Amino acid sequence: MNAQTNILELRNLEVCYGKLRALNGINLQIREGEIVALLGANGAGKSTALRAISGLLAPASGDILYCGKSIAKRRPDLIVRDGIAHSPEERHIWPELSVRENLSLGAYCCPDRSLAEQRFESVLQRFPRLRERLSQLAGLLSGGEQQMLAIGRALMSGPKLLLLDEPSLGLSPLMSQEVLGALRELCQQGITILIVEQNVHSALSVASRAYVFETGRVVGEGSAADMLGNPDLLRAYLGA
């Protein structure tokens, strides 16, 4: 797969919560090696899109293609094995388990113990703070450390595509920049990233392209540089 090949494609995707249509015919493409941001107000459908991609929500219609194959009806655990990892909003770590145990659970789909240990060491090299806190309960970590743990746990599955929902939520500006800097490095190492982020300027500082969501539809798309240079678009849809 080369840099111009779509690793992920949503085709006319519709997702409903009961009778409420949360996504209404979404189309987007993510190429291998990109960081792509989904922008929009709360309730615009961004997180719903991530949940549909990872199999947590079943599409009402349309399709989700990963590496050219449909995963729209695939089980979440099989989607993880295929190479898609999802780090959800508010992290959802296990607070009563240690940092080591949280990371180990991220490798549940990896039967090769040696490979799991390699991934474990790679995560600790990426986030040295976690090495210092391996025996500490995850619930006692700072917000930034918990975000590092959530991303590290997702990396333990060895993903080709990483879905991140609000990775800078609740973080200080300094810690937010540290986390976003780690995403750039992960992308340089070959992991494609799809990020949902309320902080528009932070998202566009790390992404190469972005899609703007409004009430379940894509209403704008383009390069991050063009969007940063188009304040009218940002004000119209994002209030930024």
C-alpha atoms as a PDB file:
ATOM      1  CA  MET A   1       0.000   0.000   0.000  1.00  0.00           C
ATOM      2  CA  ASN A   2       1.493   3.354  -0.999  1.00  0.00           C
ATOM      3  CA  ALA A   3       0.908   6.825   0.384  1.00  0.00           C
ATOM      4  CA  GLN A   4      -1.855   7.548  -2.136  1.00  0.00           C
ATOM      5  CA  THR A   5      -3.888   4.436  -1.318  1.00  0.00           C
ATOM      6  CA  ASN A   6      -6.920   4.792   0.919  1.00  0.00           C
ATOM      7  CA  ILE A   7      -6.503   2.834   4.121  1.00  0.00           C
ATOM      8  CA  LEU A   8     -10.026   3.839   5.172  1.00  0.00           C
ATOM      9  CA  GLU A   9     -13.092   4.967   3.265  1.00  0.00           C
ATOM     10  CA  LEU A  10     -16.609   5.781   4.436  1.00  0.00           C
ATOM     11  CA  ARG A  11     -19.220   5.558   1.690  1.00  0.00           C
ATOM     12  CA  ASN A  12     -22.626   7.157   2.236  1.00  0.00           C
ATOM     13  CA  LEU A  13     -22.461   6.064   5.861  1.00  0.00           C
ATOM     14  CA  GLU A  14     -25.610   6.420   7.946  1.00  0.00           C
ATOM     15  CA  VAL A  15     -25.756   5.610  11.660  1.00  0.00           C
ATOM     16  CA  CYS A  16     -28.832   5.899  13.876  1.00  0.00           C
ATOM     17  CA  TYR A  17     -29.519   5.915  17.590  1.00  0.00           C
ATOM     18  CA  GLY A  18     -33.040   4.507  17.532  1.00  0.00           C
ATOM     19  CA  LYS A  19     -34.990   6.886  15.310  1.00  0.00           C
ATOM     20  CA  LEU A  20     -32.359   9.623  15.585  1.00  0.00           C
ATOM     21  CA  ARG A  21     -30.027   9.755  12.588  1.00  0.00           C
ATOM     22  CA  ALA A  22     -26.567  10.676  13.881  1.00  0.00           C
ATOM     23  CA  LEU A  23     -24.696  10.329  10.569  1.00  0.00           C
ATOM     24  CA  ASN A  24     -26.426  11.189   7.332  1.00  0.00           C
ATOM     25  CA  GLY A  25     -24.562   9.950   4.266  1.00  0.00           C
ATOM     26  CA  ILE A  26     -20.958  10.571   5.331  1.00  0.00           C
ATOM     27  CA  ASN A  27     -18.222  10.202   2.725  1.00  0.00           C
ATOM     28  CA  LEU A  28     -14.549  10.504   3.572  1.00  0.00           C
ATOM     29  CA  GLN A  29     -11.211   8.964   2.673  1.00  0.00           C
ATOM     30  CA  ILE A  30      -8.059   8.522   4.737  1.00  0.00           C
ATOM     31  CA  ARG A  31      -4.795   7.750   2.967  1.00  0.00           C
ATOM     32  CA  GLU A  32      -2.068   5.673   4.526  1.00  0.00           C
ATOM     33  CA  GLY A  33       0.449   7.771   6.439  1.00  0.00           C
ATOM     34  CA  GLU A  34      -1.866  10.712   7.143  1.00  0.00           C
ATOM     35  CA  ILE A  35      -3.158  12.391  10.251  1.00  0.00           C
ATOM     36  CA  VAL A  36      -6.714  13.490   9.483  1.00  0.00           C
ATOM     37  CA  ALA A  37      -8.865  15.524  11.876  1.00  0.00           C
ATOM     38  CA  LEU A  38     -12.636  15.462  12.259  1.00  0.00           C
ATOM     39  CA  LEU A  39     -13.844  18.869  13.422  1.00  0.00           C
ATOM     40  CA  GLY A  40     -17.240  20.118  14.518  1.00  0.00           C
ATOM     41  CA  ALA A  41     -19.402  21.112  17.454  1.00  0.00           C
ATOM     42  CA  ASN A  42     -20.576  18.685  20.124  1.00  0.00           C
ATOM     43  CA  GLY A  43     -23.203  16.372  18.680  1.00  0.00           C
ATOM     44  CA  ALA A  44     -22.035  16.833  15.084  1.00  0.00           C
ATOM     45  CA  GLY A  45     -21.363  13.104  14.668  1.00  0.00           C
ATOM     46  CA  LYS A  46     -17.580  12.920  14.975  1.00  0.00           C
ATOM     47  CA  SER A  47     -17.413  10.410  17.815  1.00  0.00           C
ATOM     48  CA  THR A  48     -20.225   8.425  16.215  1.00  0.00           C
ATOM     49  CA  ALA A  49     -18.072   8.036  13.117  1.00  0.00           C
ATOM     50  CA  LEU A  50     -15.205   6.610  15.186  1.00  0.00           C
ATOM     51  CA  ARG A  51     -17.536   4.188  16.969  1.00  0.00           C
ATOM     52  CA  ALA A  52     -18.911   2.973  13.657  1.00  0.00           C
ATOM     53  CA  ILE A  53     -15.403   2.435  12.253  1.00  0.00           C
ATOM     54  CA  SER A  54     -14.351   0.407  15.302  1.00  0.00           C
ATOM     55  CA  GLY A  55     -17.519  -1.705  15.195  1.00  0.00           C
ATOM     56  CA  LEU A  56     -19.149  -0.353  18.340  1.00  0.00           C
ATOM     57  CA  LEU A  57     -22.098   0.946  16.301  1.00  0.00           C
ATOM     58  CA  ALA A  58     -23.704  -0.848  13.360  1.00  0.00           C
ATOM     59  CA  PRO A  59     -24.349   1.311  10.279  1.00  0.00           C
ATOM     60  CA  ALA A  60     -27.945   1.681   9.164  1.00  0.00           C
ATOM     61  CA  SER A  61     -26.702   1.908   5.566  1.00  0.00           C
ATOM     62  CA  GLY A  62     -23.587   2.670   3.566  1.00  0.00           C
ATOM     63  CA  ASP A  63     -20.213   1.018   3.918  1.00  0.00           C
ATOM     64  CA  ILE A  64     -16.868   1.222   5.732  1.00  0.00           C
ATOM     65  CA  LEU A  65     -13.853   0.015   3.772  1.00  0.00           C
ATOM     66  CA  TYR A  66     -10.551  -0.752   5.469  1.00  0.00           C
ATOM     67  CA  CYS A  67      -7.662  -1.622   3.153  1.00  0.00           C
ATOM     68  CA  GLY A  68     -10.264  -2.072   0.422  1.00  0.00           C
ATOM     69  CA  LYS A  69     -12.455  -4.563   2.328  1.00  0.00           C
ATOM     70  CA  SER A  70     -15.795  -3.915   3.991  1.00  0.00           C
ATOM     71  CA  ILE A  71     -15.788  -4.004   7.804  1.00  0.00           C
ATOM     72  CA  ALA A  72     -19.273  -2.523   8.249  1.00  0.00           C
ATOM     73  CA  LYS A  73     -20.626  -5.751   9.783  1.00  0.00           C
ATOM     74  CA  ARG A  74     -17.445  -6.991  11.402  1.00  0.00           C
ATOM     75  CA  ARG A  75     -17.172  -7.615  15.159  1.00  0.00           C
ATOM     76  CA  PRO A  76     -15.149  -5.078  17.178  1.00  0.00           C
ATOM     77  CA  ASP A  77     -12.595  -7.646  18.361  1.00  0.00           C
ATOM     78  CA  LEU A  78     -11.941  -8.736  14.785  1.00  0.00           C
ATOM     79  CA  ILE A  79     -11.557  -5.108  13.706  1.00  0.00           C
ATOM     80  CA  VAL A  80      -8.853  -4.715  16.360  1.00  0.00           C
ATOM     81  CA  ARG A  81      -7.121  -7.822  15.016  1.00  0.00           C
ATOM     82  CA  ASP A  82      -7.346  -6.330  11.517  1.00  0.00           C
ATOM     83  CA  GLY A  83      -5.243  -3.375  12.690  1.00  0.00           C
ATOM     84  CA  ILE A  84      -7.628  -0.641  13.901  1.00  0.00           C
ATOM     85  CA  ALA A  85      -7.326   0.611  17.493  1.00  0.00           C
ATOM     86  CA  HIS A  86      -9.699   3.081  19.145  1.00  0.00           C
ATOM     87  CA  SER A  87      -8.735   5.280  22.083  1.00  0.00           C
ATOM     88  CA  PRO A  88     -12.109   6.652  23.225  1.00  0.00           C
ATOM     89  CA  GLU A  89     -13.148   9.974  24.675  1.00  0.00           C
ATOM     90  CA  GLU A  90     -12.468  10.272  28.417  1.00  0.00           C
ATOM     91  CA  ARG A  91      -9.839   7.511  28.043  1.00  0.00           C
ATOM     92  CA  HIS A  92     -11.815   4.669  29.716  1.00  0.00           C
ATOM     93  CA  ILE A  93      -8.784   3.206  31.426  1.00  0.00           C
ATOM     94  CA  TRP A  94      -9.279   0.724  34.268  1.00  0.00           C
ATOM     95  CA  PRO A  95      -8.552   2.905  37.337  1.00  0.00           C
ATOM     96  CA  GLU A  96      -8.234   0.027  39.817  1.00  0.00           C
ATOM     97  CA  LEU A  97      -5.631  -1.768  37.713  1.00  0.00           C
ATOM     98  CA  SER A  98      -1.980  -0.832  37.490  1.00  0.00           C
ATOM     99  CA  VAL A  99      -0.395   0.870  34.514  1.00  0.00           C
ATOM    100  CA  ARG A 100       1.275  -2.435  33.607  1.00  0.00           C
ATOM    101  CA  GLU A 101      -2.040  -4.304  33.750  1.00  0.00           C
ATOM    102  CA  ASN A 102      -3.810  -1.694  31.619  1.00  0.00           C
ATOM    103  CA  LEU A 103      -1.125  -1.952  28.956  1.00  0.00           C
ATOM    104  CA  SER A 104      -1.133  -5.752  29.051  1.00  0.00           C
ATOM    105  CA  LEU A 105      -4.883  -5.812  28.442  1.00  0.00           C
ATOM    106  CA  GLY A 106      -4.289  -3.807  25.279  1.00  0.00           C
ATOM    107  CA  ALA A 107      -2.396  -6.794  23.863  1.00  0.00           C
ATOM    108  CA  TYR A 108      -5.208  -9.305  24.440  1.00  0.00           C
ATOM    109  CA  CYS A 109      -5.433 -10.056  20.710  1.00  0.00           C
ATOM    110  CA  CYS A 110      -1.696 -10.732  20.372  1.00  0.00           C
ATOM    111  CA  PRO A 111      -0.944 -14.462  20.931  1.00  0.00           C
ATOM    112  CA  ASP A 112       2.793 -13.961  20.441  1.00  0.00           C
ATOM    113  CA  ARG A 113       4.217 -13.182  23.885  1.00  0.00           C
ATOM    114  CA  SER A 114       7.530 -12.014  22.453  1.00  0.00           C
ATOM    115  CA  LEU A 115       5.761  -9.584  20.126  1.00  0.00           C
ATOM    116  CA  ALA A 116       3.616  -8.300  22.996  1.00  0.00           C
ATOM    117  CA  GLU A 117       6.758  -7.648  25.033  1.00  0.00           C
ATOM    118  CA  GLN A 118       8.286  -5.751  22.102  1.00  0.00           C
ATOM    119  CA  ARG A 119       5.189  -3.571  21.856  1.00  0.00           C
ATOM    120  CA  PHE A 120       5.243  -3.041  25.628  1.00  0.00           C
ATOM    121  CA  GLU A 121       8.833  -1.800  25.488  1.00  0.00           C
ATOM    122  CA  SER A 122       8.036   0.398  22.491  1.00  0.00           C
ATOM    123  CA  VAL A 123       5.176   2.070  24.381  1.00  0.00           C
ATOM    124  CA  LEU A 124       7.426   2.731  27.376  1.00  0.00           C
ATOM    125  CA  GLN A 125      10.056   4.258  25.119  1.00  0.00           C
ATOM    126  CA  ARG A 126       7.361   6.457  23.564  1.00  0.00           C
ATOM    127  CA  PHE A 127       5.970   7.496  26.986  1.00  0.00           C
ATOM    128  CA  PRO A 128       8.801   7.296  29.565  1.00  0.00           C
ATOM    129  CA  ARG A 129       6.502   8.551  32.334  1.00  0.00           C
ATOM    130  CA  LEU A 130       4.570   5.308  32.142  1.00  0.00           C
ATOM    131  CA  ARG A 131       7.738   3.318  32.853  1.00  0.00           C
ATOM    132  CA  GLU A 132       8.153   5.276  36.088  1.00  0.00           C
ATOM    133  CA  ARG A 133       4.586   4.411  37.110  1.00  0.00           C
ATOM    134  CA  LEU A 134       4.181   0.789  36.001  1.00  0.00           C
ATOM    135  CA  SER A 135       3.071  -0.401  39.441  1.00  0.00           C
ATOM    136  CA  GLN A 136       0.866   2.612  40.168  1.00  0.00           C
ATOM    137  CA  LEU A 137      -2.909   2.387  39.937  1.00  0.00           C
ATOM    138  CA  ALA A 138      -4.061   4.014  36.711  1.00  0.00           C
ATOM    139  CA  GLY A 139      -6.714   6.023  38.544  1.00  0.00           C
ATOM    140  CA  LEU A 140      -3.983   7.887  40.436  1.00  0.00           C
ATOM    141  CA  LEU A 141      -2.261   9.179  37.303  1.00  0.00           C
ATOM    142  CA  SER A 142      -2.558  12.779  36.177  1.00  0.00           C
ATOM    143  CA  GLY A 143      -4.870  13.566  33.260  1.00  0.00           C
ATOM    144  CA  GLY A 144      -1.969  13.739  30.828  1.00  0.00           C
ATOM    145  CA  GLU A 145      -0.506  10.470  32.065  1.00  0.00           C
ATOM    146  CA  GLN A 146      -3.898   8.789  31.752  1.00  0.00           C
ATOM    147  CA  GLN A 147      -4.092   9.980  28.134  1.00  0.00           C
ATOM    148  CA  MET A 148      -0.643   8.559  27.467  1.00  0.00           C
ATOM    149  CA  LEU A 149      -1.800   5.288  29.020  1.00  0.00           C
ATOM    150  CA  ALA A 150      -4.940   5.205  26.873  1.00  0.00           C
ATOM    151  CA  ILE A 151      -2.906   5.771  23.702  1.00  0.00           C
ATOM    152  CA  GLY A 152      -0.282   3.277  24.846  1.00  0.00           C
ATOM    153  CA  ARG A 153      -2.941   0.655  25.512  1.00  0.00           C
ATOM    154  CA  ALA A 154      -4.276   1.163  21.971  1.00  0.00           C
ATOM    155  CA  LEU A 155      -0.748   0.829  20.561  1.00  0.00           C
ATOM    156  CA  MET A 156      -0.356  -2.538  22.282  1.00  0.00           C
ATOM    157  CA  SER A 157      -2.619  -4.075  19.631  1.00  0.00           C
ATOM    158  CA  GLY A 158      -0.144  -3.079  16.907  1.00  0.00           C
ATOM    159  CA  PRO A 159      -2.514  -0.888  14.865  1.00  0.00           C
ATOM    160  CA  LYS A 160      -2.085   0.356  11.321  1.00  0.00           C
ATOM    161  CA  LEU A 161      -4.890   2.862  11.929  1.00  0.00           C
ATOM    162  CA  LEU A 162      -5.310   4.671  15.259  1.00  0.00           C
ATOM    163  CA  LEU A 163      -8.620   6.361  16.121  1.00  0.00           C
ATOM    164  CA  LEU A 164      -8.318   9.034  18.816  1.00  0.00           C
ATOM    165  CA  ASP A 165     -11.276  10.789  20.405  1.00  0.00           C
ATOM    166  CA  GLU A 166     -10.445  14.091  22.131  1.00  0.00           C
ATOM    167  CA  PRO A 167      -6.845  13.266  23.115  1.00  0.00           C
ATOM    168  CA  SER A 168      -6.236  16.759  24.534  1.00  0.00           C
ATOM    169  CA  LEU A 169      -9.472  16.930  26.553  1.00  0.00           C
ATOM    170  CA  GLY A 170      -8.813  18.300  30.035  1.00  0.00           C
ATOM    171  CA  LEU A 171      -5.060  18.612  29.511  1.00  0.00           C
ATOM    172  CA  SER A 172      -2.902  21.637  30.164  1.00  0.00           C
ATOM    173  CA  PRO A 173      -1.588  23.384  27.029  1.00  0.00           C
ATOM    174  CA  LEU A 174       1.894  22.006  27.710  1.00  0.00           C
ATOM    175  CA  MET A 175       0.691  18.434  28.177  1.00  0.00           C
ATOM    176  CA  SER A 176      -1.586  18.748  25.159  1.00  0.00           C
ATOM    177  CA  GLN A 177       1.379  19.715  22.998  1.00  0.00           C
ATOM    178  CA  GLU A 178       3.364  16.774  24.358  1.00  0.00           C
ATOM    179  CA  VAL A 179       0.590  14.331  23.443  1.00  0.00           C
ATOM    180  CA  LEU A 180       0.101  15.858  19.989  1.00  0.00           C
ATOM    181  CA  GLY A 181       3.852  15.740  19.408  1.00  0.00           C
ATOM    182  CA  ALA A 182       3.766  12.013  20.156  1.00  0.00           C
ATOM    183  CA  LEU A 183       1.085  11.613  17.484  1.00  0.00           C
ATOM    184  CA  ARG A 184       3.337  13.230  14.888  1.00  0.00           C
ATOM    185  CA  GLU A 185       6.086  10.776  15.752  1.00  0.00           C
ATOM    186  CA  LEU A 186       3.716   7.814  15.580  1.00  0.00           C
ATOM    187  CA  CYS A 187       2.616   8.931  12.123  1.00  0.00           C
ATOM    188  CA  GLN A 188       6.243   9.217  11.022  1.00  0.00           C
ATOM    189  CA  GLN A 189       6.672   5.607  12.147  1.00  0.00           C
ATOM    190  CA  GLY A 190       3.906   4.466   9.812  1.00  0.00           C
ATOM    191  CA  ILE A 191       0.694   4.622  11.869  1.00  0.00           C
ATOM    192  CA  THR A 192      -2.205   6.408  10.178  1.00  0.00           C
ATOM    193  CA  ILE A 193      -4.232   8.530  12.612  1.00  0.00           C
ATOM    194  CA  LEU A 194      -7.836   9.737  12.569  1.00  0.00           C
ATOM    195  CA  ILE A 195      -8.381  12.272  15.328  1.00  0.00           C
ATOM    196  CA  VAL A 196     -11.508  13.884  16.766  1.00  0.00           C
ATOM    197  CA  GLU A 197     -10.599  17.079  18.569  1.00  0.00           C
ATOM    198  CA  GLN A 198     -12.557  20.028  19.962  1.00  0.00           C
ATOM    199  CA  ASN A 199      -9.459  22.214  20.043  1.00  0.00           C
ATOM    200  CA  VAL A 200      -9.516  23.242  16.396  1.00  0.00           C
ATOM    201  CA  HIS A 201      -6.113  24.891  16.240  1.00  0.00           C
ATOM    202  CA  SER A 202      -4.414  22.011  18.063  1.00  0.00           C
ATOM    203  CA  ALA A 203      -5.999  19.528  15.671  1.00  0.00           C
ATOM    204  CA  LEU A 204      -5.021  21.497  12.586  1.00  0.00           C
ATOM    205  CA  SER A 205      -1.479  21.941  13.898  1.00  0.00           C
ATOM    206  CA  VAL A 206      -0.929  18.173  13.820  1.00  0.00           C
ATOM    207  CA  ALA A 207      -3.187  17.057  10.935  1.00  0.00           C
ATOM    208  CA  SER A 208      -2.481  17.149   7.230  1.00  0.00           C
ATOM    209  CA  ARG A 209      -6.178  17.297   6.279  1.00  0.00           C
ATOM    210  CA  ALA A 210      -9.504  17.821   8.014  1.00  0.00           C
ATOM    211  CA  TYR A 211     -13.220  17.248   7.576  1.00  0.00           C
ATOM    212  CA  VAL A 212     -15.795  19.547   9.168  1.00  0.00           C
ATOM    213  CA  PHE A 213     -18.957  17.888  10.517  1.00  0.00           C
ATOM    214  CA  GLU A 214     -22.275  19.606  11.164  1.00  0.00           C
ATOM    215  CA  THR A 215     -25.436  17.761  12.298  1.00  0.00           C
ATOM    216  CA  GLY A 216     -24.306  14.434  10.896  1.00  0.00           C
ATOM    217  CA  ARG A 217     -23.011  15.683   7.551  1.00  0.00           C
ATOM    218  CA  VAL A 218     -19.644  16.655   6.127  1.00  0.00           C
ATOM    219  CA  VAL A 219     -19.909  20.363   5.301  1.00  0.00           C
ATOM    220  CA  GLY A 220     -16.266  21.146   4.585  1.00  0.00           C
ATOM    221  CA  GLU A 221     -12.958  19.487   3.886  1.00  0.00           C
ATOM    222  CA  GLY A 222      -9.463  20.462   2.871  1.00  0.00           C
ATOM    223  CA  SER A 223      -5.855  20.704   3.922  1.00  0.00           C
ATOM    224  CA  ALA A 224      -5.122  21.793   7.465  1.00  0.00           C
ATOM    225  CA  ALA A 225      -3.113  24.731   6.125  1.00  0.00           C
ATOM    226  CA  ASP A 226      -6.025  25.944   3.992  1.00  0.00           C
ATOM    227  CA  MET A 227      -8.439  25.673   6.906  1.00  0.00           C
ATOM    228  CA  LEU A 228      -6.135  27.591   9.225  1.00  0.00           C
ATOM    229  CA  GLY A 229      -5.987  30.239   6.515  1.00  0.00           C
ATOM    230  CA  ASN A 230      -9.787  30.369   6.165  1.00  0.00           C
ATOM    231  CA  PRO A 231     -11.088  31.998   9.342  1.00  0.00           C
ATOM    232  CA  ASP A 232     -14.540  32.477   7.799  1.00  0.00           C
ATOM    233  CA  LEU A 233     -14.977  28.706   7.474  1.00  0.00           C
ATOM    234  CA  LEU A 234     -13.804  28.116  11.028  1.00  0.00           C
ATOM    235  CA  ARG A 235     -16.128  30.790  12.403  1.00  0.00           C
ATOM    236  CA  ALA A 236     -19.098  29.627  10.350  1.00  0.00           C
ATOM    237  CA  TYR A 237     -19.000  26.002  11.438  1.00  0.00           C
ATOM    238  CA  LEU A 238     -16.866  25.887  14.552  1.00  0.00           C
ATOM    239  CA  GLY A 239     -17.117  29.285  16.195  1.00  0.00           C
ATOM    240  CA  ALA A 240     -13.311  29.327  16.178  1.00  0.00           C
END
